[in-house]
């Protein structure tokens, strides 16, 4: 499997964290399901090859759209490639999807939606720019055009608060974040629900969980009580309970399983602020 990431051009950096490309040939024996975990970032994904199947908790198997928007995850997403993989992903800043769509982000939480259903003027430009022979600059120009068409006076409170939460890997209190941003906790809550799609507390839990996942994938180990203390959980039981809620499996099961696609995403240097092995302070 080939995976590459590209930094956005400066005018897009406010909205886009990175652009990634993933390719893999079709396998005759089929590829197994992949578990995508919450990481606090929405995405736009363009599929230029065979469709992915999404495996729902109720056992349903649905075909994913070829140009989808994916909101915040608060539970694992299980997908399975059906043949060839050729994806372009636009990993957005926490408030980036709101900047593109200007819709309440709570409506997108745990949802994968065809982009044309929520933004009729954007899909054609993105799909044309994502053509296999088009330069990446064409895609970035199309993204910039899309966000420029929706730009309005921006309030940065949610963006600033999300950055502070991420920098602390979810260990800084919501009250402290609210004071640092200069708005009340209630105001910040409303803006998170509208611009990010989850509450401030939920976003902090996701950031803390992602820090733990990154530590696992970086080879960091220790007994459960020490891990709980290092990553800001009350105790070992709290860590395991939170991990099961976000990953759908225990930390032990997670450590013993393979995650080909998510491992590429987690290894992204653009996400390194989630994991500070030295701990707070």
C-alpha atoms as a PDB file:
ATOM      1  CA  UNK A   1       0.000   0.000   0.000  1.00  0.00           C
ATOM      2  CA  UNK A   2       1.317   3.443  -0.941  1.00  0.00           C
ATOM      3  CA  UNK A   3       0.505   6.423   1.250  1.00  0.00           C
ATOM      4  CA  UNK A   4       1.726  10.015   0.934  1.00  0.00           C
ATOM      5  CA  UNK A   5       0.807  13.278   2.603  1.00  0.00           C
ATOM      6  CA  UNK A   6       1.118  16.812   1.304  1.00  0.00           C
ATOM      7  CA  UNK A   7       0.961  20.090   3.200  1.00  0.00           C
ATOM      8  CA  UNK A   8      -1.735  22.529   2.042  1.00  0.00           C
ATOM      9  CA  UNK A   9      -0.828  25.785   0.360  1.00  0.00           C
ATOM     10  CA  UNK A  10      -0.747  28.658   2.910  1.00  0.00           C
ATOM     11  CA  UNK A  11      -4.198  30.108   2.070  1.00  0.00           C
ATOM     12  CA  UNK A  12      -5.737  26.682   2.771  1.00  0.00           C
ATOM     13  CA  UNK A  13      -3.866  25.932   6.012  1.00  0.00           C
ATOM     14  CA  UNK A  14      -6.587  27.590   8.074  1.00  0.00           C
ATOM     15  CA  UNK A  15      -9.057  24.958   6.867  1.00  0.00           C
ATOM     16  CA  UNK A  16      -6.989  21.978   5.674  1.00  0.00           C
ATOM     17  CA  UNK A  17      -4.531  20.015   7.793  1.00  0.00           C
ATOM     18  CA  UNK A  18      -3.121  17.914   4.972  1.00  0.00           C
ATOM     19  CA  UNK A  19      -3.980  16.184   1.706  1.00  0.00           C
ATOM     20  CA  UNK A  20      -3.237  12.487   1.477  1.00  0.00           C
ATOM     21  CA  UNK A  21      -3.171   9.928  -1.312  1.00  0.00           C
ATOM     22  CA  UNK A  22      -3.526   6.182  -0.751  1.00  0.00           C
ATOM     23  CA  UNK A  23      -3.165   3.531  -3.434  1.00  0.00           C
ATOM     24  CA  UNK A  24      -3.111  -0.261  -3.476  1.00  0.00           C
ATOM     25  CA  UNK A  25      -3.751  -2.800  -6.236  1.00  0.00           C
ATOM     26  CA  UNK A  26      -6.712  -5.139  -6.137  1.00  0.00           C
ATOM     27  CA  UNK A  27      -6.081  -8.330  -4.171  1.00  0.00           C
ATOM     28  CA  UNK A  28      -7.559 -11.569  -5.367  1.00  0.00           C
ATOM     29  CA  UNK A  29      -7.961 -12.856  -1.818  1.00  0.00           C
ATOM     30  CA  UNK A  30      -9.708  -9.692  -0.634  1.00  0.00           C
ATOM     31  CA  UNK A  31      -8.615  -7.312   2.082  1.00  0.00           C
ATOM     32  CA  UNK A  32      -9.950  -7.528   5.603  1.00  0.00           C
ATOM     33  CA  UNK A  33     -12.003  -4.891   7.401  1.00  0.00           C
ATOM     34  CA  UNK A  34     -10.180  -1.795   8.634  1.00  0.00           C
ATOM     35  CA  UNK A  35     -11.119  -0.041  11.858  1.00  0.00           C
ATOM     36  CA  UNK A  36     -10.915   3.767  11.622  1.00  0.00           C
ATOM     37  CA  UNK A  37     -10.854   5.380  15.064  1.00  0.00           C
ATOM     38  CA  UNK A  38     -11.929   8.847  16.247  1.00  0.00           C
ATOM     39  CA  UNK A  39      -9.133  11.426  15.909  1.00  0.00           C
ATOM     40  CA  UNK A  40     -10.948  14.760  16.130  1.00  0.00           C
ATOM     41  CA  UNK A  41     -10.650  15.703  12.440  1.00  0.00           C
ATOM     42  CA  UNK A  42     -13.330  15.656   9.716  1.00  0.00           C
ATOM     43  CA  UNK A  43     -12.450  14.727   6.140  1.00  0.00           C
ATOM     44  CA  UNK A  44     -13.487  14.906   2.523  1.00  0.00           C
ATOM     45  CA  UNK A  45     -12.580  11.706   0.655  1.00  0.00           C
ATOM     46  CA  UNK A  46     -12.541  11.220  -3.116  1.00  0.00           C
ATOM     47  CA  UNK A  47     -12.577   7.615  -4.306  1.00  0.00           C
ATOM     48  CA  UNK A  48     -11.075   7.199  -7.782  1.00  0.00           C
ATOM     49  CA  UNK A  49     -11.329   3.401  -7.923  1.00  0.00           C
ATOM     50  CA  UNK A  50     -13.544   0.672  -6.456  1.00  0.00           C
ATOM     51  CA  UNK A  51     -16.045   1.457  -3.742  1.00  0.00           C
ATOM     52  CA  UNK A  52     -15.458   0.738  -0.075  1.00  0.00           C
ATOM     53  CA  UNK A  53     -18.004  -1.179   1.954  1.00  0.00           C
ATOM     54  CA  UNK A  54     -18.978   0.214   5.337  1.00  0.00           C
ATOM     55  CA  UNK A  55     -19.824  -2.423   7.935  1.00  0.00           C
ATOM     56  CA  UNK A  56     -22.440  -1.048  10.316  1.00  0.00           C
ATOM     57  CA  UNK A  57     -22.830  -2.172  13.956  1.00  0.00           C
ATOM     58  CA  UNK A  58     -26.229  -3.696  13.108  1.00  0.00           C
ATOM     59  CA  UNK A  59     -24.577  -5.975  10.538  1.00  0.00           C
ATOM     60  CA  UNK A  60     -25.621  -3.946   7.499  1.00  0.00           C
ATOM     61  CA  UNK A  61     -23.088  -3.589   4.694  1.00  0.00           C
ATOM     62  CA  UNK A  62     -23.435  -0.415   2.630  1.00  0.00           C
ATOM     63  CA  UNK A  63     -21.487   1.041  -0.255  1.00  0.00           C
ATOM     64  CA  UNK A  64     -19.704   4.292   0.581  1.00  0.00           C
ATOM     65  CA  UNK A  65     -20.154   7.331  -1.687  1.00  0.00           C
ATOM     66  CA  UNK A  66     -17.389   8.114  -4.168  1.00  0.00           C
ATOM     67  CA  UNK A  67     -17.116  11.710  -2.923  1.00  0.00           C
ATOM     68  CA  UNK A  68     -17.983  11.864   0.726  1.00  0.00           C
ATOM     69  CA  UNK A  69     -17.783  14.154   3.696  1.00  0.00           C
ATOM     70  CA  UNK A  70     -17.052  12.480   7.008  1.00  0.00           C
ATOM     71  CA  UNK A  71     -17.892  14.293  10.222  1.00  0.00           C
ATOM     72  CA  UNK A  72     -16.518  13.721  13.694  1.00  0.00           C
ATOM     73  CA  UNK A  73     -16.327  10.136  14.887  1.00  0.00           C
ATOM     74  CA  UNK A  74     -17.277   9.179  18.430  1.00  0.00           C
ATOM     75  CA  UNK A  75     -17.162   5.445  17.721  1.00  0.00           C
ATOM     76  CA  UNK A  76     -15.151   3.213  15.390  1.00  0.00           C
ATOM     77  CA  UNK A  77     -15.855   3.165  11.668  1.00  0.00           C
ATOM     78  CA  UNK A  78     -15.328  -0.248  10.060  1.00  0.00           C
ATOM     79  CA  UNK A  79     -14.705  -0.251   6.310  1.00  0.00           C
ATOM     80  CA  UNK A  80     -13.496  -2.814   3.802  1.00  0.00           C
ATOM     81  CA  UNK A  81     -12.007  -2.249   0.342  1.00  0.00           C
ATOM     82  CA  UNK A  82     -13.683  -4.284  -2.373  1.00  0.00           C
ATOM     83  CA  UNK A  83     -10.853  -4.216  -4.926  1.00  0.00           C
ATOM     84  CA  UNK A  84      -8.396  -1.534  -6.068  1.00  0.00           C
ATOM     85  CA  UNK A  85      -7.717   1.380  -3.680  1.00  0.00           C
ATOM     86  CA  UNK A  86      -7.136   4.862  -5.066  1.00  0.00           C
ATOM     87  CA  UNK A  87      -8.167   7.568  -2.619  1.00  0.00           C
ATOM     88  CA  UNK A  88      -7.496  11.246  -2.179  1.00  0.00           C
ATOM     89  CA  UNK A  89      -8.296  12.536   1.285  1.00  0.00           C
ATOM     90  CA  UNK A  90      -8.574  16.118   2.490  1.00  0.00           C
ATOM     91  CA  UNK A  91      -7.965  15.994   6.219  1.00  0.00           C
ATOM     92  CA  UNK A  92      -9.505  19.159   7.583  1.00  0.00           C
ATOM     93  CA  UNK A  93      -8.852  21.255  10.638  1.00  0.00           C
ATOM     94  CA  UNK A  94     -11.360  20.643  13.460  1.00  0.00           C
ATOM     95  CA  UNK A  95     -13.593  23.489  12.217  1.00  0.00           C
ATOM     96  CA  UNK A  96     -12.628  23.058   8.554  1.00  0.00           C
ATOM     97  CA  UNK A  97     -15.727  21.193   7.399  1.00  0.00           C
ATOM     98  CA  UNK A  98     -17.918  23.916   8.849  1.00  0.00           C
ATOM     99  CA  UNK A  99     -15.945  26.477   6.846  1.00  0.00           C
ATOM    100  CA  UNK A 100     -16.610  24.527   3.640  1.00  0.00           C
ATOM    101  CA  UNK A 101     -20.269  23.698   4.207  1.00  0.00           C
ATOM    102  CA  UNK A 102     -21.563  26.369   6.610  1.00  0.00           C
ATOM    103  CA  UNK A 103     -23.925  23.771   8.081  1.00  0.00           C
ATOM    104  CA  UNK A 104     -24.331  22.618  11.704  1.00  0.00           C
ATOM    105  CA  UNK A 105     -21.611  20.045  12.240  1.00  0.00           C
ATOM    106  CA  UNK A 106     -23.662  18.104  14.784  1.00  0.00           C
ATOM    107  CA  UNK A 107     -25.680  16.869  11.778  1.00  0.00           C
ATOM    108  CA  UNK A 108     -22.527  15.202  10.396  1.00  0.00           C
ATOM    109  CA  UNK A 109     -21.259  13.460  13.539  1.00  0.00           C
ATOM    110  CA  UNK A 110     -20.709   9.739  12.825  1.00  0.00           C
ATOM    111  CA  UNK A 111     -22.038  10.247   9.295  1.00  0.00           C
ATOM    112  CA  UNK A 112     -20.541   9.719   5.828  1.00  0.00           C
ATOM    113  CA  UNK A 113     -22.546  11.766   3.339  1.00  0.00           C
ATOM    114  CA  UNK A 114     -22.303  12.228  -0.419  1.00  0.00           C
ATOM    115  CA  UNK A 115     -20.886  15.717  -0.891  1.00  0.00           C
ATOM    116  CA  UNK A 116     -23.369  16.588  -3.642  1.00  0.00           C
ATOM    117  CA  UNK A 117     -26.200  16.130  -1.119  1.00  0.00           C
ATOM    118  CA  UNK A 118     -24.939  19.054   0.961  1.00  0.00           C
ATOM    119  CA  UNK A 119     -22.964  21.241  -1.491  1.00  0.00           C
ATOM    120  CA  UNK A 120     -24.160  21.062  -5.089  1.00  0.00           C
ATOM    121  CA  UNK A 121     -21.568  23.449  -6.504  1.00  0.00           C
ATOM    122  CA  UNK A 122     -18.445  21.779  -5.061  1.00  0.00           C
ATOM    123  CA  UNK A 123     -18.353  18.095  -6.150  1.00  0.00           C
ATOM    124  CA  UNK A 124     -17.817  18.672  -9.869  1.00  0.00           C
ATOM    125  CA  UNK A 125     -14.816  20.927  -9.345  1.00  0.00           C
ATOM    126  CA  UNK A 126     -13.230  18.544  -6.840  1.00  0.00           C
ATOM    127  CA  UNK A 127     -13.751  15.445  -8.963  1.00  0.00           C
ATOM    128  CA  UNK A 128     -12.332  17.143 -12.053  1.00  0.00           C
ATOM    129  CA  UNK A 129      -9.319  18.367 -10.062  1.00  0.00           C
ATOM    130  CA  UNK A 130      -8.804  14.910  -8.542  1.00  0.00           C
ATOM    131  CA  UNK A 131      -8.416  13.274 -11.961  1.00  0.00           C
ATOM    132  CA  UNK A 132      -5.484  10.861 -11.936  1.00  0.00           C
ATOM    133  CA  UNK A 133      -3.436  12.997 -14.325  1.00  0.00           C
ATOM    134  CA  UNK A 134      -4.213  16.338 -12.701  1.00  0.00           C
ATOM    135  CA  UNK A 135      -1.536  17.990 -10.567  1.00  0.00           C
ATOM    136  CA  UNK A 136      -2.208  18.343  -6.850  1.00  0.00           C
ATOM    137  CA  UNK A 137      -2.211  22.107  -7.311  1.00  0.00           C
ATOM    138  CA  UNK A 138      -5.471  21.785  -9.271  1.00  0.00           C
ATOM    139  CA  UNK A 139      -7.158  20.134  -6.310  1.00  0.00           C
ATOM    140  CA  UNK A 140      -5.869  22.781  -3.928  1.00  0.00           C
ATOM    141  CA  UNK A 141      -7.107  25.533  -6.237  1.00  0.00           C
ATOM    142  CA  UNK A 142     -10.546  23.896  -6.350  1.00  0.00           C
ATOM    143  CA  UNK A 143     -10.612  23.667  -2.542  1.00  0.00           C
ATOM    144  CA  UNK A 144      -9.626  27.300  -2.196  1.00  0.00           C
ATOM    145  CA  UNK A 145     -12.321  28.319  -4.643  1.00  0.00           C
ATOM    146  CA  UNK A 146     -14.899  26.324  -2.680  1.00  0.00           C
ATOM    147  CA  UNK A 147     -14.041  27.862   0.672  1.00  0.00           C
ATOM    148  CA  UNK A 148     -13.732  31.378  -0.797  1.00  0.00           C
ATOM    149  CA  UNK A 149     -17.274  31.094  -2.057  1.00  0.00           C
ATOM    150  CA  UNK A 150     -18.508  30.481   1.479  1.00  0.00           C
ATOM    151  CA  UNK A 151     -16.169  32.688   3.470  1.00  0.00           C
ATOM    152  CA  UNK A 152     -17.687  35.111   5.899  1.00  0.00           C
ATOM    153  CA  UNK A 153     -16.545  36.876   9.041  1.00  0.00           C
ATOM    154  CA  UNK A 154     -15.043  34.060  11.082  1.00  0.00           C
ATOM    155  CA  UNK A 155     -15.201  33.594  14.821  1.00  0.00           C
ATOM    156  CA  UNK A 156     -12.084  31.737  15.888  1.00  0.00           C
ATOM    157  CA  UNK A 157     -13.186  30.733  19.396  1.00  0.00           C
ATOM    158  CA  UNK A 158     -13.880  27.088  18.565  1.00  0.00           C
ATOM    159  CA  UNK A 159     -10.753  26.807  16.407  1.00  0.00           C
ATOM    160  CA  UNK A 160      -8.539  28.266  19.137  1.00  0.00           C
ATOM    161  CA  UNK A 161     -10.136  26.124  21.835  1.00  0.00           C
ATOM    162  CA  UNK A 162      -9.755  22.954  19.749  1.00  0.00           C
ATOM    163  CA  UNK A 163      -6.066  23.744  19.234  1.00  0.00           C
ATOM    164  CA  UNK A 164      -5.554  24.138  22.990  1.00  0.00           C
ATOM    165  CA  UNK A 165      -7.368  20.870  23.676  1.00  0.00           C
ATOM    166  CA  UNK A 166      -5.242  19.072  21.103  1.00  0.00           C
ATOM    167  CA  UNK A 167      -2.011  20.531  22.450  1.00  0.00           C
ATOM    168  CA  UNK A 168      -2.801  19.175  25.901  1.00  0.00           C
ATOM    169  CA  UNK A 169      -4.045  15.825  24.488  1.00  0.00           C
ATOM    170  CA  UNK A 170      -7.349  16.460  26.240  1.00  0.00           C
ATOM    171  CA  UNK A 171      -5.836  16.862  29.689  1.00  0.00           C
ATOM    172  CA  UNK A 172      -6.608  20.559  30.138  1.00  0.00           C
ATOM    173  CA  UNK A 173      -9.970  21.353  31.737  1.00  0.00           C
ATOM    174  CA  UNK A 174     -12.806  22.874  29.744  1.00  0.00           C
ATOM    175  CA  UNK A 175     -13.004  25.718  32.277  1.00  0.00           C
ATOM    176  CA  UNK A 176      -9.325  26.509  31.695  1.00  0.00           C
ATOM    177  CA  UNK A 177      -9.800  26.402  27.924  1.00  0.00           C
ATOM    178  CA  UNK A 178     -12.822  28.720  28.129  1.00  0.00           C
ATOM    179  CA  UNK A 179     -10.872  31.242  30.186  1.00  0.00           C
ATOM    180  CA  UNK A 180      -7.942  31.121  27.771  1.00  0.00           C
ATOM    181  CA  UNK A 181     -10.217  31.746  24.781  1.00  0.00           C
ATOM    182  CA  UNK A 182     -12.172  34.447  26.592  1.00  0.00           C
ATOM    183  CA  UNK A 183     -15.716  33.106  26.319  1.00  0.00           C
ATOM    184  CA  UNK A 184     -18.043  31.356  28.733  1.00  0.00           C
ATOM    185  CA  UNK A 185     -18.154  27.567  28.823  1.00  0.00           C
ATOM    186  CA  UNK A 186     -21.754  27.712  27.586  1.00  0.00           C
ATOM    187  CA  UNK A 187     -20.859  29.869  24.578  1.00  0.00           C
ATOM    188  CA  UNK A 188     -17.942  27.618  23.732  1.00  0.00           C
ATOM    189  CA  UNK A 189     -20.197  24.569  24.005  1.00  0.00           C
ATOM    190  CA  UNK A 190     -22.617  26.029  21.454  1.00  0.00           C
ATOM    191  CA  UNK A 191     -19.811  26.838  19.046  1.00  0.00           C
ATOM    192  CA  UNK A 192     -18.295  23.367  19.346  1.00  0.00           C
ATOM    193  CA  UNK A 193     -21.621  21.700  18.594  1.00  0.00           C
ATOM    194  CA  UNK A 194     -22.162  23.975  15.611  1.00  0.00           C
ATOM    195  CA  UNK A 195     -18.635  24.176  14.160  1.00  0.00           C
ATOM    196  CA  UNK A 196     -17.032  20.875  15.240  1.00  0.00           C
ATOM    197  CA  UNK A 197     -19.950  18.545  15.891  1.00  0.00           C
ATOM    198  CA  UNK A 198     -19.309  17.376  19.457  1.00  0.00           C
ATOM    199  CA  UNK A 199     -19.198  18.998  22.871  1.00  0.00           C
ATOM    200  CA  UNK A 200     -16.020  20.450  24.325  1.00  0.00           C
ATOM    201  CA  UNK A 201     -15.821  17.581  26.826  1.00  0.00           C
ATOM    202  CA  UNK A 202     -16.341  14.977  24.119  1.00  0.00           C
ATOM    203  CA  UNK A 203     -13.638  16.574  21.993  1.00  0.00           C
ATOM    204  CA  UNK A 204     -11.233  16.482  24.951  1.00  0.00           C
ATOM    205  CA  UNK A 205     -12.028  12.768  25.444  1.00  0.00           C
ATOM    206  CA  UNK A 206     -11.319  12.100  21.756  1.00  0.00           C
ATOM    207  CA  UNK A 207      -8.010  13.971  21.960  1.00  0.00           C
ATOM    208  CA  UNK A 208      -6.977  12.019  25.058  1.00  0.00           C
ATOM    209  CA  UNK A 209      -7.949   8.718  23.452  1.00  0.00           C
ATOM    210  CA  UNK A 210      -6.047   9.569  20.271  1.00  0.00           C
ATOM    211  CA  UNK A 211      -2.972  10.388  22.326  1.00  0.00           C
ATOM    212  CA  UNK A 212      -3.160   6.927  23.868  1.00  0.00           C
ATOM    213  CA  UNK A 213      -3.618   5.269  20.465  1.00  0.00           C
ATOM    214  CA  UNK A 214      -0.596   7.099  19.099  1.00  0.00           C
ATOM    215  CA  UNK A 215       1.452   6.024  22.072  1.00  0.00           C
ATOM    216  CA  UNK A 216       0.520   2.391  21.421  1.00  0.00           C
ATOM    217  CA  UNK A 217       1.474   2.672  17.770  1.00  0.00           C
ATOM    218  CA  UNK A 218       4.758   4.344  18.689  1.00  0.00           C
ATOM    219  CA  UNK A 219       5.600   1.351  20.870  1.00  0.00           C
ATOM    220  CA  UNK A 220       4.979   3.016  24.230  1.00  0.00           C
ATOM    221  CA  UNK A 221       3.978   0.445  26.840  1.00  0.00           C
ATOM    222  CA  UNK A 222       3.528   0.244  30.591  1.00  0.00           C
ATOM    223  CA  UNK A 223       1.139  -1.222  33.095  1.00  0.00           C
ATOM    224  CA  UNK A 224      -2.462  -0.029  32.828  1.00  0.00           C
ATOM    225  CA  UNK A 225      -2.356   2.032  36.020  1.00  0.00           C
ATOM    226  CA  UNK A 226       0.720   3.943  34.821  1.00  0.00           C
ATOM    227  CA  UNK A 227      -0.765   4.464  31.368  1.00  0.00           C
ATOM    228  CA  UNK A 228      -3.970   5.774  32.920  1.00  0.00           C
ATOM    229  CA  UNK A 229      -2.035   8.268  35.023  1.00  0.00           C
ATOM    230  CA  UNK A 230       0.182   9.402  32.147  1.00  0.00           C
ATOM    231  CA  UNK A 231      -2.718  10.039  29.785  1.00  0.00           C
ATOM    232  CA  UNK A 232      -5.061  11.710  32.255  1.00  0.00           C
ATOM    233  CA  UNK A 233      -7.517   8.914  33.064  1.00  0.00           C
ATOM    234  CA  UNK A 234      -8.862   8.491  36.587  1.00  0.00           C
ATOM    235  CA  UNK A 235      -7.683   4.893  36.824  1.00  0.00           C
ATOM    236  CA  UNK A 236      -7.168   1.706  34.845  1.00  0.00           C
ATOM    237  CA  UNK A 237     -10.899   0.933  34.640  1.00  0.00           C
ATOM    238  CA  UNK A 238     -11.605   4.397  33.270  1.00  0.00           C
ATOM    239  CA  UNK A 239      -8.950   3.973  30.566  1.00  0.00           C
ATOM    240  CA  UNK A 240     -10.277   0.582  29.460  1.00  0.00           C
ATOM    241  CA  UNK A 241     -13.899   1.758  29.460  1.00  0.00           C
ATOM    242  CA  UNK A 242     -13.091   4.830  27.366  1.00  0.00           C
ATOM    243  CA  UNK A 243     -10.964   2.770  24.977  1.00  0.00           C
ATOM    244  CA  UNK A 244     -13.774   0.280  24.400  1.00  0.00           C
ATOM    245  CA  UNK A 245     -16.230   3.084  23.737  1.00  0.00           C
ATOM    246  CA  UNK A 246     -14.085   4.734  21.071  1.00  0.00           C
ATOM    247  CA  UNK A 247     -12.410   1.663  19.554  1.00  0.00           C
ATOM    248  CA  UNK A 248     -14.990  -1.076  20.001  1.00  0.00           C
ATOM    249  CA  UNK A 249     -12.335  -3.301  21.527  1.00  0.00           C
ATOM    250  CA  UNK A 250     -10.109  -3.411  24.576  1.00  0.00           C
ATOM    251  CA  UNK A 251      -6.569  -1.962  24.549  1.00  0.00           C
ATOM    252  CA  UNK A 252      -5.190  -5.505  24.659  1.00  0.00           C
ATOM    253  CA  UNK A 253      -7.262  -6.545  21.644  1.00  0.00           C
ATOM    254  CA  UNK A 254      -6.243  -3.383  19.819  1.00  0.00           C
ATOM    255  CA  UNK A 255      -2.533  -3.924  20.497  1.00  0.00           C
ATOM    256  CA  UNK A 256      -2.756  -7.477  19.162  1.00  0.00           C
ATOM    257  CA  UNK A 257      -4.570  -6.593  15.921  1.00  0.00           C
ATOM    258  CA  UNK A 258      -3.348  -5.164  12.636  1.00  0.00           C
ATOM    259  CA  UNK A 259      -4.463  -1.774  11.306  1.00  0.00           C
ATOM    260  CA  UNK A 260      -2.921  -1.182   7.888  1.00  0.00           C
ATOM    261  CA  UNK A 261      -4.838   1.902   6.759  1.00  0.00           C
ATOM    262  CA  UNK A 262      -5.220   3.612  10.169  1.00  0.00           C
ATOM    263  CA  UNK A 263      -1.540   3.086  10.930  1.00  0.00           C
ATOM    264  CA  UNK A 264      -0.686   5.240   7.920  1.00  0.00           C
ATOM    265  CA  UNK A 265      -3.012   7.980   9.156  1.00  0.00           C
ATOM    266  CA  UNK A 266      -1.736   7.832  12.726  1.00  0.00           C
ATOM    267  CA  UNK A 267       1.873   8.028  11.630  1.00  0.00           C
ATOM    268  CA  UNK A 268       1.165  11.430  10.104  1.00  0.00           C
ATOM    269  CA  UNK A 269       3.636  14.028  11.415  1.00  0.00           C
ATOM    270  CA  UNK A 270       0.890  16.585  11.007  1.00  0.00           C
ATOM    271  CA  UNK A 271      -0.928  14.934  13.878  1.00  0.00           C
ATOM    272  CA  UNK A 272       2.011  14.677  16.267  1.00  0.00           C
ATOM    273  CA  UNK A 273       0.607  17.294  18.619  1.00  0.00           C
ATOM    274  CA  UNK A 274      -1.791  14.663  19.946  1.00  0.00           C
ATOM    275  CA  UNK A 275       1.004  12.611  21.475  1.00  0.00           C
ATOM    276  CA  UNK A 276       3.487  13.946  23.944  1.00  0.00           C
ATOM    277  CA  UNK A 277       5.358  10.962  25.432  1.00  0.00           C
ATOM    278  CA  UNK A 278       6.898  13.155  28.099  1.00  0.00           C
ATOM    279  CA  UNK A 279       3.475  13.843  29.546  1.00  0.00           C
ATOM    280  CA  UNK A 280       2.202  17.202  30.752  1.00  0.00           C
ATOM    281  CA  UNK A 281       4.652  19.738  32.083  1.00  0.00           C
END
